[in-house]
C-alpha atoms as a PDB file:
ATOM      1  CA  UNK A   1      19.760  44.894 -18.877  1.00  0.00           C
ATOM      2  CA  UNK A   2      16.596  46.293 -20.458  1.00  0.00           C
ATOM      3  CA  UNK A   3      15.237  42.899 -21.509  1.00  0.00           C
ATOM      4  CA  UNK A   4      17.308  40.930 -19.020  1.00  0.00           C
ATOM      5  CA  UNK A   5      15.644  42.732 -16.106  1.00  0.00           C
ATOM      6  CA  UNK A   6      12.236  41.536 -17.293  1.00  0.00           C
ATOM      7  CA  UNK A   7      13.568  37.999 -17.721  1.00  0.00           C
ATOM      8  CA  UNK A   8      15.121  38.218 -14.250  1.00  0.00           C
ATOM      9  CA  UNK A   9      11.687  39.005 -12.879  1.00  0.00           C
ATOM     10  CA  UNK A  10      10.144  36.033 -14.690  1.00  0.00           C
ATOM     11  CA  UNK A  11      12.818  33.344 -14.571  1.00  0.00           C
ATOM     12  CA  UNK A  12      15.212  33.195 -11.634  1.00  0.00           C
ATOM     13  CA  UNK A  13      18.080  31.851 -13.741  1.00  0.00           C
ATOM     14  CA  UNK A  14      18.411  35.290 -15.316  1.00  0.00           C
ATOM     15  CA  UNK A  15      19.341  36.784 -11.936  1.00  0.00           C
ATOM     16  CA  UNK A  16      22.484  34.675 -12.150  1.00  0.00           C
ATOM     17  CA  UNK A  17      23.015  35.658 -15.795  1.00  0.00           C
ATOM     18  CA  UNK A  18      22.688  39.349 -14.907  1.00  0.00           C
ATOM     19  CA  UNK A  19      25.095  38.949 -11.990  1.00  0.00           C
ATOM     20  CA  UNK A  20      27.677  37.279 -14.225  1.00  0.00           C
ATOM     21  CA  UNK A  21      27.305  39.972 -16.906  1.00  0.00           C
ATOM     22  CA  UNK A  22      27.709  42.783 -14.368  1.00  0.00           C
ATOM     23  CA  UNK A  23      30.672  41.022 -12.769  1.00  0.00           C
ATOM     24  CA  UNK A  24      32.402  40.451 -16.108  1.00  0.00           C
ATOM     25  CA  UNK A  25      31.789  43.979 -17.390  1.00  0.00           C
ATOM     26  CA  UNK A  26      32.947  45.750 -14.252  1.00  0.00           C
ATOM     27  CA  UNK A  27      35.785  43.295 -13.675  1.00  0.00           C
ATOM     28  CA  UNK A  28      37.023  44.150 -17.162  1.00  0.00           C
ATOM     29  CA  UNK A  29      36.424  47.909 -16.853  1.00  0.00           C
ATOM     30  CA  UNK A  30      38.162  48.163 -13.475  1.00  0.00           C
ATOM     31  CA  UNK A  31      40.772  45.549 -14.426  1.00  0.00           C
ATOM     32  CA  UNK A  32      40.044  43.905 -11.104  1.00  0.00           C
ATOM     33  CA  UNK A  33      38.532  40.442 -10.913  1.00  0.00           C
ATOM     34  CA  UNK A  34      37.936  41.110  -7.211  1.00  0.00           C
ATOM     35  CA  UNK A  35      35.705  44.113  -7.874  1.00  0.00           C
ATOM     36  CA  UNK A  36      33.830  42.220 -10.605  1.00  0.00           C
ATOM     37  CA  UNK A  37      33.342  39.161  -8.395  1.00  0.00           C
ATOM     38  CA  UNK A  38      32.233  41.248  -5.415  1.00  0.00           C
ATOM     39  CA  UNK A  39      29.713  43.084  -7.594  1.00  0.00           C
ATOM     40  CA  UNK A  40      28.307  39.813  -8.959  1.00  0.00           C
ATOM     41  CA  UNK A  41      27.953  38.396  -5.457  1.00  0.00           C
ATOM     42  CA  UNK A  42      26.424  41.663  -4.224  1.00  0.00           C
ATOM     43  CA  UNK A  43      23.916  41.601  -7.093  1.00  0.00           C
ATOM     44  CA  UNK A  44      22.811  38.084  -6.176  1.00  0.00           C
ATOM     45  CA  UNK A  45      22.646  38.837  -2.455  1.00  0.00           C
ATOM     46  CA  UNK A  46      20.647  42.011  -2.989  1.00  0.00           C
ATOM     47  CA  UNK A  47      18.379  40.548  -5.654  1.00  0.00           C
ATOM     48  CA  UNK A  48      17.321  37.604  -3.548  1.00  0.00           C
ATOM     49  CA  UNK A  49      14.546  39.336  -1.569  1.00  0.00           C
ATOM     50  CA  UNK A  50      11.072  39.999  -2.991  1.00  0.00           C
ATOM     51  CA  UNK A  51       9.352  43.172  -4.117  1.00  0.00           C
ATOM     52  CA  UNK A  52       5.888  41.815  -4.896  1.00  0.00           C
ATOM     53  CA  UNK A  53       4.006  42.942  -1.807  1.00  0.00           C
ATOM     54  CA  UNK A  54       4.878  46.584  -2.331  1.00  0.00           C
ATOM     55  CA  UNK A  55       4.428  46.530  -6.100  1.00  0.00           C
ATOM     56  CA  UNK A  56       0.973  44.997  -5.652  1.00  0.00           C
ATOM     57  CA  UNK A  57       0.055  47.661  -3.105  1.00  0.00           C
ATOM     58  CA  UNK A  58       0.930  50.395  -5.592  1.00  0.00           C
ATOM     59  CA  UNK A  59      -0.684  48.786  -8.627  1.00  0.00           C
ATOM     60  CA  UNK A  60      -3.920  47.929  -6.829  1.00  0.00           C
ATOM     61  CA  UNK A  61      -3.895  51.336  -5.138  1.00  0.00           C
ATOM     62  CA  UNK A  62      -5.557  49.964  -2.048  1.00  0.00           C
ATOM     63  CA  UNK A  63      -2.864  50.326   0.609  1.00  0.00           C
ATOM     64  CA  UNK A  64      -3.242  46.665   1.472  1.00  0.00           C
ATOM     65  CA  UNK A  65      -0.584  44.848   3.416  1.00  0.00           C
ATOM     66  CA  UNK A  66      -0.552  41.096   3.944  1.00  0.00           C
ATOM     67  CA  UNK A  67      -0.560  39.664   7.446  1.00  0.00           C
ATOM     68  CA  UNK A  68       3.113  38.729   7.256  1.00  0.00           C
ATOM     69  CA  UNK A  69       4.067  42.372   6.685  1.00  0.00           C
ATOM     70  CA  UNK A  70       2.886  43.891   9.910  1.00  0.00           C
ATOM     71  CA  UNK A  71       5.423  46.716   9.846  1.00  0.00           C
ATOM     72  CA  UNK A  72       6.686  45.934  13.294  1.00  0.00           C
ATOM     73  CA  UNK A  73       9.333  43.219  13.057  1.00  0.00           C
ATOM     74  CA  UNK A  74      10.807  43.163   9.568  1.00  0.00           C
ATOM     75  CA  UNK A  75      13.693  45.442   8.570  1.00  0.00           C
ATOM     76  CA  UNK A  76      12.357  47.271   5.514  1.00  0.00           C
ATOM     77  CA  UNK A  77       8.808  47.454   6.836  1.00  0.00           C
ATOM     78  CA  UNK A  78      10.023  48.652  10.216  1.00  0.00           C
ATOM     79  CA  UNK A  79      12.065  51.460   8.635  1.00  0.00           C
ATOM     80  CA  UNK A  80       9.269  52.505   6.256  1.00  0.00           C
ATOM     81  CA  UNK A  81       6.670  52.684   9.028  1.00  0.00           C
ATOM     82  CA  UNK A  82       8.891  55.126  10.902  1.00  0.00           C
ATOM     83  CA  UNK A  83       8.255  57.641   8.113  1.00  0.00           C
ATOM     84  CA  UNK A  84       4.787  56.838   6.802  1.00  0.00           C
ATOM     85  CA  UNK A  85       1.547  55.024   7.623  1.00  0.00           C
ATOM     86  CA  UNK A  86       1.597  51.270   6.995  1.00  0.00           C
ATOM     87  CA  UNK A  87      -1.621  51.350   4.955  1.00  0.00           C
ATOM     88  CA  UNK A  88      -0.670  54.051   2.446  1.00  0.00           C
ATOM     89  CA  UNK A  89       0.759  54.299  -1.046  1.00  0.00           C
ATOM     90  CA  UNK A  90       3.737  56.162   0.396  1.00  0.00           C
ATOM     91  CA  UNK A  91       4.536  53.109   2.526  1.00  0.00           C
ATOM     92  CA  UNK A  92       4.766  50.964  -0.618  1.00  0.00           C
ATOM     93  CA  UNK A  93       6.862  53.569  -2.468  1.00  0.00           C
ATOM     94  CA  UNK A  94       9.253  53.999   0.429  1.00  0.00           C
ATOM     95  CA  UNK A  95       9.548  50.238   0.976  1.00  0.00           C
ATOM     96  CA  UNK A  96      10.425  49.755  -2.703  1.00  0.00           C
ATOM     97  CA  UNK A  97      13.017  52.526  -2.534  1.00  0.00           C
ATOM     98  CA  UNK A  98      14.605  51.053   0.609  1.00  0.00           C
ATOM     99  CA  UNK A  99      14.604  47.629  -1.040  1.00  0.00           C
ATOM    100  CA  UNK A 100      16.261  49.086  -4.140  1.00  0.00           C
ATOM    101  CA  UNK A 101      18.840  50.848  -2.001  1.00  0.00           C
ATOM    102  CA  UNK A 102      19.687  47.561  -0.278  1.00  0.00           C
ATOM    103  CA  UNK A 103      20.055  45.720  -3.595  1.00  0.00           C
ATOM    104  CA  UNK A 104      22.192  48.291  -5.352  1.00  0.00           C
ATOM    105  CA  UNK A 105      24.256  49.174  -2.296  1.00  0.00           C
ATOM    106  CA  UNK A 106      25.404  45.553  -2.103  1.00  0.00           C
ATOM    107  CA  UNK A 107      26.056  45.528  -5.860  1.00  0.00           C
ATOM    108  CA  UNK A 108      27.828  48.843  -6.337  1.00  0.00           C
ATOM    109  CA  UNK A 109      29.719  49.417  -3.086  1.00  0.00           C
ATOM    110  CA  UNK A 110      32.795  47.488  -4.367  1.00  0.00           C
ATOM    111  CA  UNK A 111      33.218  50.236  -6.971  1.00  0.00           C
ATOM    112  CA  UNK A 112      33.834  52.723  -4.162  1.00  0.00           C
ATOM    113  CA  UNK A 113      37.323  51.222  -3.858  1.00  0.00           C
ATOM    114  CA  UNK A 114      38.205  52.258  -7.414  1.00  0.00           C
ATOM    115  CA  UNK A 115      35.907  55.244  -8.084  1.00  0.00           C
ATOM    116  CA  UNK A 116      34.655  58.357  -6.361  1.00  0.00           C
ATOM    117  CA  UNK A 117      32.258  57.181  -3.599  1.00  0.00           C
ATOM    118  CA  UNK A 118      29.965  60.183  -4.212  1.00  0.00           C
ATOM    119  CA  UNK A 119      29.347  58.971  -7.769  1.00  0.00           C
ATOM    120  CA  UNK A 120      28.595  55.487  -6.457  1.00  0.00           C
ATOM    121  CA  UNK A 121      26.204  56.808  -3.801  1.00  0.00           C
ATOM    122  CA  UNK A 122      24.415  58.916  -6.422  1.00  0.00           C
ATOM    123  CA  UNK A 123      24.025  55.854  -8.658  1.00  0.00           C
ATOM    124  CA  UNK A 124      22.665  53.811  -5.749  1.00  0.00           C
ATOM    125  CA  UNK A 125      20.113  56.509  -4.885  1.00  0.00           C
ATOM    126  CA  UNK A 126      18.953  56.868  -8.509  1.00  0.00           C
ATOM    127  CA  UNK A 127      18.491  53.112  -8.770  1.00  0.00           C
ATOM    128  CA  UNK A 128      16.732  52.985  -5.392  1.00  0.00           C
ATOM    129  CA  UNK A 129      14.220  55.650  -6.416  1.00  0.00           C
ATOM    130  CA  UNK A 130      13.917  54.287  -9.944  1.00  0.00           C
ATOM    131  CA  UNK A 131      11.868  51.218  -9.153  1.00  0.00           C
ATOM    132  CA  UNK A 132       8.996  52.855  -7.261  1.00  0.00           C
ATOM    133  CA  UNK A 133       9.050  55.566  -9.933  1.00  0.00           C
ATOM    134  CA  UNK A 134       8.732  52.992 -12.730  1.00  0.00           C
ATOM    135  CA  UNK A 135       5.832  51.229 -10.973  1.00  0.00           C
ATOM    136  CA  UNK A 136       3.938  54.478 -10.328  1.00  0.00           C
ATOM    137  CA  UNK A 137       4.631  55.652 -13.892  1.00  0.00           C
ATOM    138  CA  UNK A 138       3.233  52.510 -15.551  1.00  0.00           C
ATOM    139  CA  UNK A 139       0.989  50.852 -12.930  1.00  0.00           C
ATOM    140  CA  UNK A 140       1.873  47.560 -14.643  1.00  0.00           C
ATOM    141  CA  UNK A 141       4.312  45.010 -13.251  1.00  0.00           C
ATOM    142  CA  UNK A 142       5.796  43.969 -16.625  1.00  0.00           C
ATOM    143  CA  UNK A 143       6.093  47.502 -17.991  1.00  0.00           C
ATOM    144  CA  UNK A 144       7.751  48.658 -14.768  1.00  0.00           C
ATOM    145  CA  UNK A 145      10.436  45.999 -15.130  1.00  0.00           C
ATOM    146  CA  UNK A 146      11.222  47.216 -18.665  1.00  0.00           C
ATOM    147  CA  UNK A 147      11.447  50.832 -17.532  1.00  0.00           C
ATOM    148  CA  UNK A 148      13.563  49.897 -14.547  1.00  0.00           C
ATOM    149  CA  UNK A 149      15.835  47.834 -16.807  1.00  0.00           C
ATOM    150  CA  UNK A 150      16.307  50.958 -18.926  1.00  0.00           C
ATOM    151  CA  UNK A 151      17.135  53.009 -15.835  1.00  0.00           C
ATOM    152  CA  UNK A 152      19.686  50.354 -14.857  1.00  0.00           C
ATOM    153  CA  UNK A 153      21.227  50.517 -18.348  1.00  0.00           C
ATOM    154  CA  UNK A 154      21.641  54.279 -18.196  1.00  0.00           C
ATOM    155  CA  UNK A 155      23.122  54.272 -14.690  1.00  0.00           C
ATOM    156  CA  UNK A 156      25.513  51.385 -15.379  1.00  0.00           C
ATOM    157  CA  UNK A 157      26.688  52.956 -18.667  1.00  0.00           C
ATOM    158  CA  UNK A 158      27.242  56.278 -16.870  1.00  0.00           C
ATOM    159  CA  UNK A 159      29.275  54.474 -14.214  1.00  0.00           C
ATOM    160  CA  UNK A 160      31.427  52.873 -16.902  1.00  0.00           C
ATOM    161  CA  UNK A 161      31.915  56.277 -18.523  1.00  0.00           C
ATOM    162  CA  UNK A 162      32.694  57.931 -15.191  1.00  0.00           C
ATOM    163  CA  UNK A 163      35.357  55.333 -14.512  1.00  0.00           C
ATOM    164  CA  UNK A 164      37.282  56.503 -17.559  1.00  0.00           C
ATOM    165  CA  UNK A 165      37.069  60.208 -16.686  1.00  0.00           C
END
């Protein structure tokens, strides 16, 4: 996923490739084509929304928010503004974390039927926090996608290992 995550961010076809890879791997590991298929579908459903507004706000360090993100009507923005000011770096970090939670919750929740749900929730939270962390750490869009791809690799490999314990 390290390089594939960067390609996913550049070329949308790689979102489908990543979904298929995740579905095949976890379908094989769990010996359940249903779990693998549900994870692939969850990956695509969660991946489909954008991150750019919040990444740009962190990289440019200006707290800017476009007119379409007014923080009042949209789900992620509405939740984030309940905890932090709309025009702050914390707003962008929290929005990215919520967005990551949404994506990985949809992807990993099928594993809760065959693994300990606490392990799955921990993996989802690490992946949710990982993306804003990688952006703040690098302050570069491309570099953040490589770091986040590495975080995904580690978490997914740990999940595979945990399945066999």
